[in-house]
Amino acid sequence: MLKPYRCSEGKLTIGVGRNLDDNGISEAEALHLLDNDIAAVRAEGMRHDWFRKLDPVRKDAILNMAFNMGWPRLLGFRQMIAAIERMDYEAAAREALASRWADQVGNRAREVSEQLRAGIER
């Protein structure tokens, strides 16, 4: 019920009989899911002292990364987090760009890294 499953007709279904193959979800439902996902990513971030100390713009940069790759992978960016802890945002941005994630997401990584470096919303 809480995870997608195949109904007796083989249709991808979720919840109480929502046929995703034929009906999908509405834009409002998609945005509601996004809001819930962002709230969950933010709540996880608040468990980390280094994250709580960030200004709102840099928090958003980290949340963007965490939303994209998940907190377990983001926490593997130990050098970036160490740079954040010492408030060396130039180094933090370099560390973010020197990653497989940056290679995978391209321009998004450059924008997020610049936001982390400068503390200015892009």
C-alpha atoms as a PDB file:
ATOM      1  CA  MET A   1       0.000   0.000   0.000  1.00  0.00           C
ATOM      2  CA  LEU A   2       2.759   2.492   0.862  1.00  0.00           C
ATOM      3  CA  LYS A   3       5.092   1.297  -1.884  1.00  0.00           C
ATOM      4  CA  PRO A   4       4.250   0.791  -5.547  1.00  0.00           C
ATOM      5  CA  TYR A   5       2.978  -2.671  -6.413  1.00  0.00           C
ATOM      6  CA  ARG A   6       1.436  -4.480  -9.373  1.00  0.00           C
ATOM      7  CA  CYS A   7      -2.318  -5.006  -9.068  1.00  0.00           C
ATOM      8  CA  SER A   8      -4.081  -8.142 -10.292  1.00  0.00           C
ATOM      9  CA  GLU A   9      -4.230  -6.567 -13.774  1.00  0.00           C
ATOM     10  CA  GLY A  10      -0.465  -5.901 -13.754  1.00  0.00           C
ATOM     11  CA  LYS A  11      -0.843  -2.112 -13.403  1.00  0.00           C
ATOM     12  CA  LEU A  12       1.641  -0.162 -11.304  1.00  0.00           C
ATOM     13  CA  THR A  13      -0.436   0.882  -8.298  1.00  0.00           C
ATOM     14  CA  ILE A  14       0.108   2.736  -5.026  1.00  0.00           C
ATOM     15  CA  GLY A  15      -1.939   3.608  -1.965  1.00  0.00           C
ATOM     16  CA  VAL A  16      -5.504   2.366  -2.009  1.00  0.00           C
ATOM     17  CA  GLY A  17      -5.768   1.374  -5.656  1.00  0.00           C
ATOM     18  CA  ARG A  18      -4.230   4.430  -7.404  1.00  0.00           C
ATOM     19  CA  ASN A  19      -3.427   3.161 -10.896  1.00  0.00           C
ATOM     20  CA  LEU A  20      -0.213   4.987 -11.746  1.00  0.00           C
ATOM     21  CA  ASP A  21       0.095   3.467 -15.215  1.00  0.00           C
ATOM     22  CA  ASP A  22      -3.207   4.905 -16.399  1.00  0.00           C
ATOM     23  CA  ASN A  23      -3.782   7.866 -14.066  1.00  0.00           C
ATOM     24  CA  GLY A  24      -0.418   8.987 -12.718  1.00  0.00           C
ATOM     25  CA  ILE A  25      -0.576  11.778 -10.141  1.00  0.00           C
ATOM     26  CA  SER A  26      -1.640  15.393 -10.373  1.00  0.00           C
ATOM     27  CA  GLU A  27       0.756  18.330 -10.323  1.00  0.00           C
ATOM     28  CA  ALA A  28      -0.570  19.262  -6.865  1.00  0.00           C
ATOM     29  CA  GLU A  29       0.159  15.735  -5.630  1.00  0.00           C
ATOM     30  CA  ALA A  30       3.657  15.847  -7.118  1.00  0.00           C
ATOM     31  CA  LEU A  31       4.349  19.172  -5.398  1.00  0.00           C
ATOM     32  CA  HIS A  32       2.978  17.824  -2.113  1.00  0.00           C
ATOM     33  CA  LEU A  33       5.349  14.845  -2.357  1.00  0.00           C
ATOM     34  CA  LEU A  34       8.227  17.219  -3.139  1.00  0.00           C
ATOM     35  CA  ASP A  35       7.409  19.366  -0.095  1.00  0.00           C
ATOM     36  CA  ASN A  36       7.415  16.246   2.088  1.00  0.00           C
ATOM     37  CA  ASP A  37      10.718  15.062   0.616  1.00  0.00           C
ATOM     38  CA  ILE A  38      12.367  18.455   1.149  1.00  0.00           C
ATOM     39  CA  ALA A  39      11.114  18.573   4.759  1.00  0.00           C
ATOM     40  CA  ALA A  40      12.586  15.112   5.396  1.00  0.00           C
ATOM     41  CA  VAL A  41      15.962  16.100   3.895  1.00  0.00           C
ATOM     42  CA  ARG A  42      16.006  19.305   5.977  1.00  0.00           C
ATOM     43  CA  ALA A  43      15.109  17.404   9.168  1.00  0.00           C
ATOM     44  CA  GLU A  44      18.011  15.023   8.580  1.00  0.00           C
ATOM     45  CA  GLY A  45      20.335  17.979   8.009  1.00  0.00           C
ATOM     46  CA  MET A  46      19.328  19.524  11.317  1.00  0.00           C
ATOM     47  CA  ARG A  47      20.792  16.477  13.064  1.00  0.00           C
ATOM     48  CA  HIS A  48      24.287  17.727  12.091  1.00  0.00           C
ATOM     49  CA  ASP A  49      25.863  20.601  13.997  1.00  0.00           C
ATOM     50  CA  TRP A  50      27.904  21.785  10.996  1.00  0.00           C
ATOM     51  CA  PHE A  51      24.706  22.035   8.934  1.00  0.00           C
ATOM     52  CA  ARG A  52      22.728  23.899  11.604  1.00  0.00           C
ATOM     53  CA  LYS A  53      25.467  26.567  11.745  1.00  0.00           C
ATOM     54  CA  LEU A  54      25.234  27.389   8.028  1.00  0.00           C
ATOM     55  CA  ASP A  55      23.515  30.503   6.729  1.00  0.00           C
ATOM     56  CA  PRO A  56      20.262  29.867   4.800  1.00  0.00           C
ATOM     57  CA  VAL A  57      21.855  30.084   1.333  1.00  0.00           C
ATOM     58  CA  ARG A  58      24.570  27.542   2.126  1.00  0.00           C
ATOM     59  CA  LYS A  59      22.002  25.313   3.841  1.00  0.00           C
ATOM     60  CA  ASP A  60      20.039  25.362   0.589  1.00  0.00           C
ATOM     61  CA  ALA A  61      23.159  24.342  -1.348  1.00  0.00           C
ATOM     62  CA  ILE A  62      23.740  21.377   0.962  1.00  0.00           C
ATOM     63  CA  LEU A  63      20.041  20.456   0.864  1.00  0.00           C
ATOM     64  CA  ASN A  64      20.200  20.486  -2.929  1.00  0.00           C
ATOM     65  CA  MET A  65      23.085  18.019  -2.812  1.00  0.00           C
ATOM     66  CA  ALA A  66      21.444  15.856  -0.140  1.00  0.00           C
ATOM     67  CA  PHE A  67      18.151  15.778  -2.024  1.00  0.00           C
ATOM     68  CA  ASN A  68      19.981  14.670  -5.154  1.00  0.00           C
ATOM     69  CA  MET A  69      22.287  12.016  -3.701  1.00  0.00           C
ATOM     70  CA  GLY A  70      20.909  11.277  -0.239  1.00  0.00           C
ATOM     71  CA  TRP A  71      22.472  12.047   3.126  1.00  0.00           C
ATOM     72  CA  PRO A  72      24.506   8.829   3.372  1.00  0.00           C
ATOM     73  CA  ARG A  73      26.411   9.686   0.190  1.00  0.00           C
ATOM     74  CA  LEU A  74      26.712  13.364   1.053  1.00  0.00           C
ATOM     75  CA  LEU A  75      28.227  12.490   4.433  1.00  0.00           C
ATOM     76  CA  GLY A  76      30.973  10.734   2.478  1.00  0.00           C
ATOM     77  CA  PHE A  77      32.164  14.193   1.369  1.00  0.00           C
ATOM     78  CA  ARG A  78      34.367  14.349   4.460  1.00  0.00           C
ATOM     79  CA  GLN A  79      36.819  16.934   3.105  1.00  0.00           C
ATOM     80  CA  MET A  80      33.968  19.223   2.044  1.00  0.00           C
ATOM     81  CA  ILE A  81      32.323  18.928   5.462  1.00  0.00           C
ATOM     82  CA  ALA A  82      35.662  19.572   7.197  1.00  0.00           C
ATOM     83  CA  ALA A  83      36.065  22.738   5.107  1.00  0.00           C
ATOM     84  CA  ILE A  84      32.525  23.824   6.044  1.00  0.00           C
ATOM     85  CA  GLU A  85      33.292  23.254   9.730  1.00  0.00           C
ATOM     86  CA  ARG A  86      36.274  25.602   9.507  1.00  0.00           C
ATOM     87  CA  MET A  87      34.189  28.042   7.394  1.00  0.00           C
ATOM     88  CA  ASP A  88      36.510  27.657   4.398  1.00  0.00           C
ATOM     89  CA  TYR A  89      33.818  27.838   1.754  1.00  0.00           C
ATOM     90  CA  GLU A  90      36.297  28.157  -1.119  1.00  0.00           C
ATOM     91  CA  ALA A  91      37.717  24.758  -0.199  1.00  0.00           C
ATOM     92  CA  ALA A  92      34.250  23.313   0.397  1.00  0.00           C
ATOM     93  CA  ALA A  93      33.172  24.358  -3.099  1.00  0.00           C
ATOM     94  CA  ARG A  94      36.349  22.866  -4.617  1.00  0.00           C
ATOM     95  CA  GLU A  95      35.736  19.592  -2.784  1.00  0.00           C
ATOM     96  CA  ALA A  96      32.149  19.448  -4.029  1.00  0.00           C
ATOM     97  CA  LEU A  97      33.346  19.954  -7.610  1.00  0.00           C
ATOM     98  CA  ALA A  98      36.101  17.335  -7.276  1.00  0.00           C
ATOM     99  CA  SER A  99      33.588  14.498  -7.082  1.00  0.00           C
ATOM    100  CA  ARG A 100      31.795  11.913  -9.141  1.00  0.00           C
ATOM    101  CA  TRP A 101      28.561  13.713  -8.232  1.00  0.00           C
ATOM    102  CA  ALA A 102      29.829  16.872  -9.985  1.00  0.00           C
ATOM    103  CA  ASP A 103      30.718  14.853 -13.084  1.00  0.00           C
ATOM    104  CA  GLN A 104      27.241  13.326 -13.089  1.00  0.00           C
ATOM    105  CA  VAL A 105      25.158  16.472 -12.607  1.00  0.00           C
ATOM    106  CA  GLY A 106      27.315  18.947 -14.547  1.00  0.00           C
ATOM    107  CA  ASN A 107      26.015  22.509 -14.448  1.00  0.00           C
ATOM    108  CA  ARG A 108      23.919  21.831 -11.348  1.00  0.00           C
ATOM    109  CA  ALA A 109      27.148  21.066  -9.443  1.00  0.00           C
ATOM    110  CA  ARG A 110      28.764  24.288 -10.623  1.00  0.00           C
ATOM    111  CA  GLU A 111      25.734  26.318  -9.497  1.00  0.00           C
ATOM    112  CA  VAL A 112      25.466  24.585  -6.115  1.00  0.00           C
ATOM    113  CA  SER A 113      29.213  24.884  -5.513  1.00  0.00           C
ATOM    114  CA  GLU A 114      29.160  28.596  -6.325  1.00  0.00           C
ATOM    115  CA  GLN A 115      26.228  29.037  -3.930  1.00  0.00           C
ATOM    116  CA  LEU A 116      28.239  27.222  -1.254  1.00  0.00           C
ATOM    117  CA  ARG A 117      31.367  29.270  -1.984  1.00  0.00           C
ATOM    118  CA  ALA A 118      29.774  32.728  -2.177  1.00  0.00           C
ATOM    119  CA  GLY A 119      26.752  32.355   0.081  1.00  0.00           C
ATOM    120  CA  ILE A 120      24.656  34.085  -2.585  1.00  0.00           C
ATOM    121  CA  GLU A 121      21.451  32.606  -4.025  1.00  0.00           C
ATOM    122  CA  ARG A 122      21.822  31.815  -7.732  1.00  0.00           C
END
